[in-house]
Amino acid sequence: MPLILTVQRVAMLRGRRFAKRGGGSAASWAMVSFSIMSSVKSAESLAGCVALVTGSAKRLGRAVALRLAEEGADLIIHHRSSTLDAQSAVAEIEKLGRRGTAIAADLTSVSDIKRLFDEAAKQFGRLDILVNSAANFLPASIVSTTEEIWDSSLDTNLRAPFFCAQAAAPFLRRTRGTSQIPAGCSAGLDTFRTLFRKPAW
């Protein structure tokens, strides 16, 4: 069933703190957290589904993409400029026996977002799952935050997920509607498959 999932970055921040305490890397912690959602297997498989994960060349987005591939989905790996990392992610997906492709796009540009989804649809013919995982991390305090930093953060972390969902909607509707899950990285992952079956419109 189709899905829109917006991933917040709380778990990655916690993961960095966890890593500093000797509990492993942030990336591995994120992978462990994400694996919670499918610790109880369901008869419903993602075989035949196509997922697009934004910001999936690295870190948490990559972990999400690989987990979806393990569940049977084919993947579109979105990245902005991490070409080598994106190609590496595609190679890992193909090793799992799934189809994968990497598409570069600037998510601060609505026209580039539309191109991303048009290219994805042309290559795979359908879209079932959108995971909004792309984010930027701009080091600044409440005192040092400038208007440019504020605008850049909102463009990537708030504006882009909305316009990605908007661009994905026509394709998702063709695959019988969509489910929307306002989920953080660690909260609600165990209910992922239950929410998967709830239509959003």
C-alpha atoms as a PDB file:
ATOM      1  CA  MET A   1       0.000   0.000   0.000  1.00  0.00           C
ATOM      2  CA  PRO A   2       1.191   3.537  -0.721  1.00  0.00           C
ATOM      3  CA  LEU A   3       2.819   5.570   1.997  1.00  0.00           C
ATOM      4  CA  ILE A   4       4.177   8.999   2.835  1.00  0.00           C
ATOM      5  CA  LEU A   5       6.553   8.945   5.796  1.00  0.00           C
ATOM      6  CA  THR A   6       8.204  12.086   7.140  1.00  0.00           C
ATOM      7  CA  VAL A   7      11.287  11.237   9.176  1.00  0.00           C
ATOM      8  CA  GLN A   8      12.359  13.592  11.919  1.00  0.00           C
ATOM      9  CA  ARG A   9      15.981  13.688  12.983  1.00  0.00           C
ATOM     10  CA  VAL A  10      15.644  13.119  16.732  1.00  0.00           C
ATOM     11  CA  ALA A  11      17.007   9.599  16.580  1.00  0.00           C
ATOM     12  CA  MET A  12      20.138  10.659  14.717  1.00  0.00           C
ATOM     13  CA  LEU A  13      20.876  13.293  17.353  1.00  0.00           C
ATOM     14  CA  ARG A  14      20.321  10.761  20.098  1.00  0.00           C
ATOM     15  CA  GLY A  15      22.436   8.340  18.111  1.00  0.00           C
ATOM     16  CA  ARG A  16      25.391  10.708  18.122  1.00  0.00           C
ATOM     17  CA  ARG A  17      25.158  11.054  21.894  1.00  0.00           C
ATOM     18  CA  PHE A  18      24.792   7.288  22.173  1.00  0.00           C
ATOM     19  CA  ALA A  19      27.895   6.806  20.040  1.00  0.00           C
ATOM     20  CA  LYS A  20      29.884   9.186  22.229  1.00  0.00           C
ATOM     21  CA  ARG A  21      29.022   7.015  25.223  1.00  0.00           C
ATOM     22  CA  GLY A  22      30.552   4.024  23.462  1.00  0.00           C
ATOM     23  CA  GLY A  23      27.330   2.561  22.151  1.00  0.00           C
ATOM     24  CA  GLY A  24      28.325   2.388  18.496  1.00  0.00           C
ATOM     25  CA  SER A  25      28.069   4.783  15.566  1.00  0.00           C
ATOM     26  CA  ALA A  26      25.112   7.034  14.882  1.00  0.00           C
ATOM     27  CA  ALA A  27      24.531   5.241  11.587  1.00  0.00           C
ATOM     28  CA  SER A  28      24.399   1.810  13.182  1.00  0.00           C
ATOM     29  CA  TRP A  29      22.128   3.096  15.943  1.00  0.00           C
ATOM     30  CA  ALA A  30      19.753   4.485  13.334  1.00  0.00           C
ATOM     31  CA  MET A  31      19.709   1.149  11.550  1.00  0.00           C
ATOM     32  CA  VAL A  32      18.874  -0.651  14.796  1.00  0.00           C
ATOM     33  CA  SER A  33      16.091   1.844  15.555  1.00  0.00           C
ATOM     34  CA  PHE A  34      14.595   1.468  12.098  1.00  0.00           C
ATOM     35  CA  SER A  35      14.670  -2.309  12.309  1.00  0.00           C
ATOM     36  CA  ILE A  36      12.172  -2.119  15.170  1.00  0.00           C
ATOM     37  CA  MET A  37       9.376  -1.392  12.740  1.00  0.00           C
ATOM     38  CA  SER A  38       9.591  -4.807  11.135  1.00  0.00           C
ATOM     39  CA  SER A  39      10.725  -6.913  14.053  1.00  0.00           C
ATOM     40  CA  VAL A  40       7.349  -8.629  13.851  1.00  0.00           C
ATOM     41  CA  LYS A  41       6.971  -9.948  10.334  1.00  0.00           C
ATOM     42  CA  SER A  42       3.754  -9.386   8.464  1.00  0.00           C
ATOM     43  CA  ALA A  43       2.251 -11.468   5.720  1.00  0.00           C
ATOM     44  CA  GLU A  44       2.135  -8.249   3.699  1.00  0.00           C
ATOM     45  CA  SER A  45       5.307  -7.772   1.657  1.00  0.00           C
ATOM     46  CA  LEU A  46       6.605  -4.712  -0.155  1.00  0.00           C
ATOM     47  CA  ALA A  47       7.381  -6.808  -3.231  1.00  0.00           C
ATOM     48  CA  GLY A  48       6.254  -4.933  -6.305  1.00  0.00           C
ATOM     49  CA  CYS A  49       6.227  -1.589  -4.506  1.00  0.00           C
ATOM     50  CA  VAL A  50       8.403   1.368  -5.465  1.00  0.00           C
ATOM     51  CA  ALA A  51       9.758   3.721  -2.801  1.00  0.00           C
ATOM     52  CA  LEU A  52      11.434   7.102  -3.102  1.00  0.00           C
ATOM     53  CA  VAL A  53      13.527   8.145  -0.113  1.00  0.00           C
ATOM     54  CA  THR A  54      14.842  11.692  -0.099  1.00  0.00           C
ATOM     55  CA  GLY A  55      18.338  12.238   1.259  1.00  0.00           C
ATOM     56  CA  SER A  56      19.051   8.520   1.073  1.00  0.00           C
ATOM     57  CA  ALA A  57      22.644   8.494  -0.124  1.00  0.00           C
ATOM     58  CA  LYS A  58      23.884   8.751   3.465  1.00  0.00           C
ATOM     59  CA  ARG A  59      23.048   8.262   7.118  1.00  0.00           C
ATOM     60  CA  LEU A  60      19.466   7.631   8.229  1.00  0.00           C
ATOM     61  CA  GLY A  61      17.905   7.991   4.788  1.00  0.00           C
ATOM     62  CA  ARG A  62      20.224   5.312   3.457  1.00  0.00           C
ATOM     63  CA  ALA A  63      19.348   3.010   6.352  1.00  0.00           C
ATOM     64  CA  VAL A  64      15.637   3.519   5.646  1.00  0.00           C
ATOM     65  CA  ALA A  65      16.111   2.814   1.938  1.00  0.00           C
ATOM     66  CA  LEU A  66      18.059  -0.381   2.565  1.00  0.00           C
ATOM     67  CA  ARG A  67      15.460  -1.591   5.050  1.00  0.00           C
ATOM     68  CA  LEU A  68      12.680  -1.025   2.518  1.00  0.00           C
ATOM     69  CA  ALA A  69      14.716  -2.963  -0.040  1.00  0.00           C
ATOM     70  CA  GLU A  70      15.085  -5.826   2.430  1.00  0.00           C
ATOM     71  CA  GLU A  71      11.287  -5.814   2.733  1.00  0.00           C
ATOM     72  CA  GLY A  72      11.016  -6.206  -1.050  1.00  0.00           C
ATOM     73  CA  ALA A  73      10.623  -2.667  -2.393  1.00  0.00           C
ATOM     74  CA  ASP A  74      12.440  -1.173  -5.375  1.00  0.00           C
ATOM     75  CA  LEU A  75      14.123   2.132  -4.547  1.00  0.00           C
ATOM     76  CA  ILE A  76      14.771   5.593  -5.899  1.00  0.00           C
ATOM     77  CA  ILE A  77      17.768   7.008  -4.045  1.00  0.00           C
ATOM     78  CA  HIS A  78      17.517  10.793  -3.978  1.00  0.00           C
ATOM     79  CA  HIS A  79      20.552  12.931  -3.291  1.00  0.00           C
ATOM     80  CA  ARG A  80      21.657  16.486  -3.960  1.00  0.00           C
ATOM     81  CA  SER A  81      25.363  16.124  -4.722  1.00  0.00           C
ATOM     82  CA  SER A  82      26.531  12.874  -3.036  1.00  0.00           C
ATOM     83  CA  THR A  83      26.875  10.986  -6.309  1.00  0.00           C
ATOM     84  CA  LEU A  84      29.332   8.315  -5.150  1.00  0.00           C
ATOM     85  CA  ASP A  85      27.384   7.583  -1.963  1.00  0.00           C
ATOM     86  CA  ALA A  86      24.155   7.350  -3.960  1.00  0.00           C
ATOM     87  CA  GLN A  87      25.714   4.917  -6.435  1.00  0.00           C
ATOM     88  CA  SER A  88      27.000   2.853  -3.524  1.00  0.00           C
ATOM     89  CA  ALA A  89      23.499   2.714  -2.015  1.00  0.00           C
ATOM     90  CA  VAL A  90      22.074   1.565  -5.349  1.00  0.00           C
ATOM     91  CA  ALA A  91      24.710  -1.179  -5.514  1.00  0.00           C
ATOM     92  CA  GLU A  92      23.687  -2.422  -2.062  1.00  0.00           C
ATOM     93  CA  ILE A  93      20.031  -2.440  -3.094  1.00  0.00           C
ATOM     94  CA  GLU A  94      20.824  -4.439  -6.217  1.00  0.00           C
ATOM     95  CA  LYS A  95      22.747  -6.963  -4.119  1.00  0.00           C
ATOM     96  CA  LEU A  96      19.466  -7.540  -2.262  1.00  0.00           C
ATOM     97  CA  GLY A  97      17.856  -8.459  -5.573  1.00  0.00           C
ATOM     98  CA  ARG A  98      15.867  -5.229  -5.883  1.00  0.00           C
ATOM     99  CA  ARG A  99      15.926  -2.509  -8.533  1.00  0.00           C
ATOM    100  CA  GLY A 100      17.503   0.793  -7.600  1.00  0.00           C
ATOM    101  CA  THR A 101      18.385   4.083  -9.226  1.00  0.00           C
ATOM    102  CA  ALA A 102      19.892   7.357  -8.033  1.00  0.00           C
ATOM    103  CA  ILE A 103      18.432  10.738  -8.994  1.00  0.00           C
ATOM    104  CA  ALA A 104      19.981  14.071  -8.027  1.00  0.00           C
ATOM    105  CA  ALA A 105      17.696  17.001  -7.221  1.00  0.00           C
ATOM    106  CA  ASP A 106      17.779  20.257  -5.276  1.00  0.00           C
ATOM    107  CA  LEU A 107      14.793  20.067  -2.916  1.00  0.00           C
ATOM    108  CA  THR A 108      14.842  23.820  -2.326  1.00  0.00           C
ATOM    109  CA  SER A 109      13.607  24.159  -5.922  1.00  0.00           C
ATOM    110  CA  VAL A 110       9.979  23.192  -6.583  1.00  0.00           C
ATOM    111  CA  SER A 111      10.717  22.694 -10.284  1.00  0.00           C
ATOM    112  CA  ASP A 112      13.549  20.307  -9.386  1.00  0.00           C
ATOM    113  CA  ILE A 113      11.220  18.418  -7.029  1.00  0.00           C
ATOM    114  CA  LYS A 114       8.730  17.969  -9.859  1.00  0.00           C
ATOM    115  CA  ARG A 115      11.521  16.756 -12.148  1.00  0.00           C
ATOM    116  CA  LEU A 116      12.614  14.232  -9.488  1.00  0.00           C
ATOM    117  CA  PHE A 117       9.177  12.627  -9.350  1.00  0.00           C
ATOM    118  CA  ASP A 118       8.664  12.762 -13.119  1.00  0.00           C
ATOM    119  CA  GLU A 119      11.983  10.946 -13.650  1.00  0.00           C
ATOM    120  CA  ALA A 120      11.118   8.397 -10.970  1.00  0.00           C
ATOM    121  CA  ALA A 121       7.763   7.705 -12.607  1.00  0.00           C
ATOM    122  CA  LYS A 122       9.346   7.350 -16.041  1.00  0.00           C
ATOM    123  CA  GLN A 123      11.885   4.813 -14.779  1.00  0.00           C
ATOM    124  CA  PHE A 124       9.592   2.709 -12.593  1.00  0.00           C
ATOM    125  CA  GLY A 125       6.095   3.431 -13.893  1.00  0.00           C
ATOM    126  CA  ARG A 126       4.637   3.820 -10.407  1.00  0.00           C
ATOM    127  CA  LEU A 127       5.255   5.132  -6.900  1.00  0.00           C
ATOM    128  CA  ASP A 128       3.938   3.540  -3.715  1.00  0.00           C
ATOM    129  CA  ILE A 129       6.048   4.993  -0.924  1.00  0.00           C
ATOM    130  CA  LEU A 130       7.559   8.412  -0.256  1.00  0.00           C
ATOM    131  CA  VAL A 131       9.911   8.854   2.693  1.00  0.00           C
ATOM    132  CA  ASN A 132      10.831  12.477   3.389  1.00  0.00           C
ATOM    133  CA  SER A 133      14.211  11.997   5.025  1.00  0.00           C
ATOM    134  CA  ALA A 134      16.352  14.781   3.546  1.00  0.00           C
ATOM    135  CA  ALA A 135      17.448  17.383   6.066  1.00  0.00           C
ATOM    136  CA  ASN A 136      20.192  19.902   6.642  1.00  0.00           C
ATOM    137  CA  PHE A 137      22.069  20.461   9.869  1.00  0.00           C
ATOM    138  CA  LEU A 138      23.196  24.052  10.232  1.00  0.00           C
ATOM    139  CA  PRO A 139      25.318  24.686  13.334  1.00  0.00           C
ATOM    140  CA  ALA A 140      23.950  27.805  15.023  1.00  0.00           C
ATOM    141  CA  SER A 141      22.589  28.902  18.354  1.00  0.00           C
ATOM    142  CA  ILE A 142      19.563  31.086  18.991  1.00  0.00           C
ATOM    143  CA  VAL A 143      21.989  34.011  19.199  1.00  0.00           C
ATOM    144  CA  SER A 144      23.986  33.243  16.046  1.00  0.00           C
ATOM    145  CA  THR A 145      21.111  32.132  13.782  1.00  0.00           C
ATOM    146  CA  THR A 146      20.856  34.480  10.837  1.00  0.00           C
ATOM    147  CA  GLU A 147      17.938  34.998   8.476  1.00  0.00           C
ATOM    148  CA  GLU A 148      19.812  33.017   5.818  1.00  0.00           C
ATOM    149  CA  ILE A 149      20.349  30.067   8.176  1.00  0.00           C
ATOM    150  CA  TRP A 150      16.694  30.165   9.253  1.00  0.00           C
ATOM    151  CA  ASP A 151      15.423  30.270   5.663  1.00  0.00           C
ATOM    152  CA  SER A 152      17.771  27.480   4.557  1.00  0.00           C
ATOM    153  CA  SER A 153      16.638  25.260   7.410  1.00  0.00           C
ATOM    154  CA  LEU A 154      12.941  25.800   6.689  1.00  0.00           C
ATOM    155  CA  ASP A 155      13.405  25.347   2.933  1.00  0.00           C
ATOM    156  CA  THR A 156      14.917  21.892   3.381  1.00  0.00           C
ATOM    157  CA  ASN A 157      13.271  20.632   6.566  1.00  0.00           C
ATOM    158  CA  LEU A 158       9.732  22.011   6.196  1.00  0.00           C
ATOM    159  CA  ARG A 159       9.025  23.387   2.726  1.00  0.00           C
ATOM    160  CA  ALA A 160      10.637  20.541   0.772  1.00  0.00           C
ATOM    161  CA  PRO A 161       8.692  17.695   2.450  1.00  0.00           C
ATOM    162  CA  PHE A 162       5.409  19.459   1.666  1.00  0.00           C
ATOM    163  CA  PHE A 163       6.213  19.976  -2.011  1.00  0.00           C
ATOM    164  CA  CYS A 164       7.593  16.442  -2.273  1.00  0.00           C
ATOM    165  CA  ALA A 165       4.297  15.114  -0.920  1.00  0.00           C
ATOM    166  CA  GLN A 166       2.422  17.353  -3.338  1.00  0.00           C
ATOM    167  CA  ALA A 167       4.471  16.145  -6.304  1.00  0.00           C
ATOM    168  CA  ALA A 168       4.097  12.515  -5.218  1.00  0.00           C
ATOM    169  CA  ALA A 169       0.321  12.685  -4.688  1.00  0.00           C
ATOM    170  CA  PRO A 170      -0.794  12.081  -8.311  1.00  0.00           C
ATOM    171  CA  PHE A 171       1.435   9.000  -8.588  1.00  0.00           C
ATOM    172  CA  LEU A 172       0.438   7.668  -5.176  1.00  0.00           C
ATOM    173  CA  ARG A 173      -3.255   8.056  -5.951  1.00  0.00           C
ATOM    174  CA  ARG A 174      -2.817   5.782  -8.941  1.00  0.00           C
ATOM    175  CA  THR A 175      -1.723   3.069  -6.534  1.00  0.00           C
ATOM    176  CA  ARG A 176      -4.938   3.255  -4.494  1.00  0.00           C
ATOM    177  CA  GLY A 177      -4.379   6.296  -2.297  1.00  0.00           C
ATOM    178  CA  THR A 178      -1.768   6.964   0.345  1.00  0.00           C
ATOM    179  CA  SER A 179      -1.127   6.696   4.045  1.00  0.00           C
ATOM    180  CA  GLN A 180       0.509   9.593   5.845  1.00  0.00           C
ATOM    181  CA  ILE A 181       2.478   8.981   9.018  1.00  0.00           C
ATOM    182  CA  PRO A 182       3.784  11.972  10.994  1.00  0.00           C
ATOM    183  CA  ALA A 183       6.422   9.842  12.686  1.00  0.00           C
ATOM    184  CA  GLY A 184       9.716  10.505  14.399  1.00  0.00           C
ATOM    185  CA  CYS A 185      12.601   8.108  13.895  1.00  0.00           C
ATOM    186  CA  SER A 186      12.143   6.170  17.098  1.00  0.00           C
ATOM    187  CA  ALA A 187       8.497   6.820  17.979  1.00  0.00           C
ATOM    188  CA  GLY A 188       5.833   4.790  16.267  1.00  0.00           C
ATOM    189  CA  LEU A 189       8.059   2.558  14.188  1.00  0.00           C
ATOM    190  CA  ASP A 190       6.540  -0.549  15.688  1.00  0.00           C
ATOM    191  CA  THR A 191       3.148   0.546  14.321  1.00  0.00           C
ATOM    192  CA  PHE A 192       4.531   1.161  10.821  1.00  0.00           C
ATOM    193  CA  ARG A 193       2.794  -1.769   9.203  1.00  0.00           C
ATOM    194  CA  THR A 194      -0.549  -1.092  10.889  1.00  0.00           C
ATOM    195  CA  LEU A 195      -0.558   2.521   9.710  1.00  0.00           C
ATOM    196  CA  PHE A 196       0.507   1.340   6.262  1.00  0.00           C
ATOM    197  CA  ARG A 197      -3.047   0.239   5.565  1.00  0.00           C
ATOM    198  CA  LYS A 198      -4.843   3.480   6.544  1.00  0.00           C
ATOM    199  CA  PRO A 199      -5.861   5.706   3.601  1.00  0.00           C
ATOM    200  CA  ALA A 200      -5.180   9.442   3.880  1.00  0.00           C
ATOM    201  CA  TRP A 201      -7.847  10.491   1.377  1.00  0.00           C
END
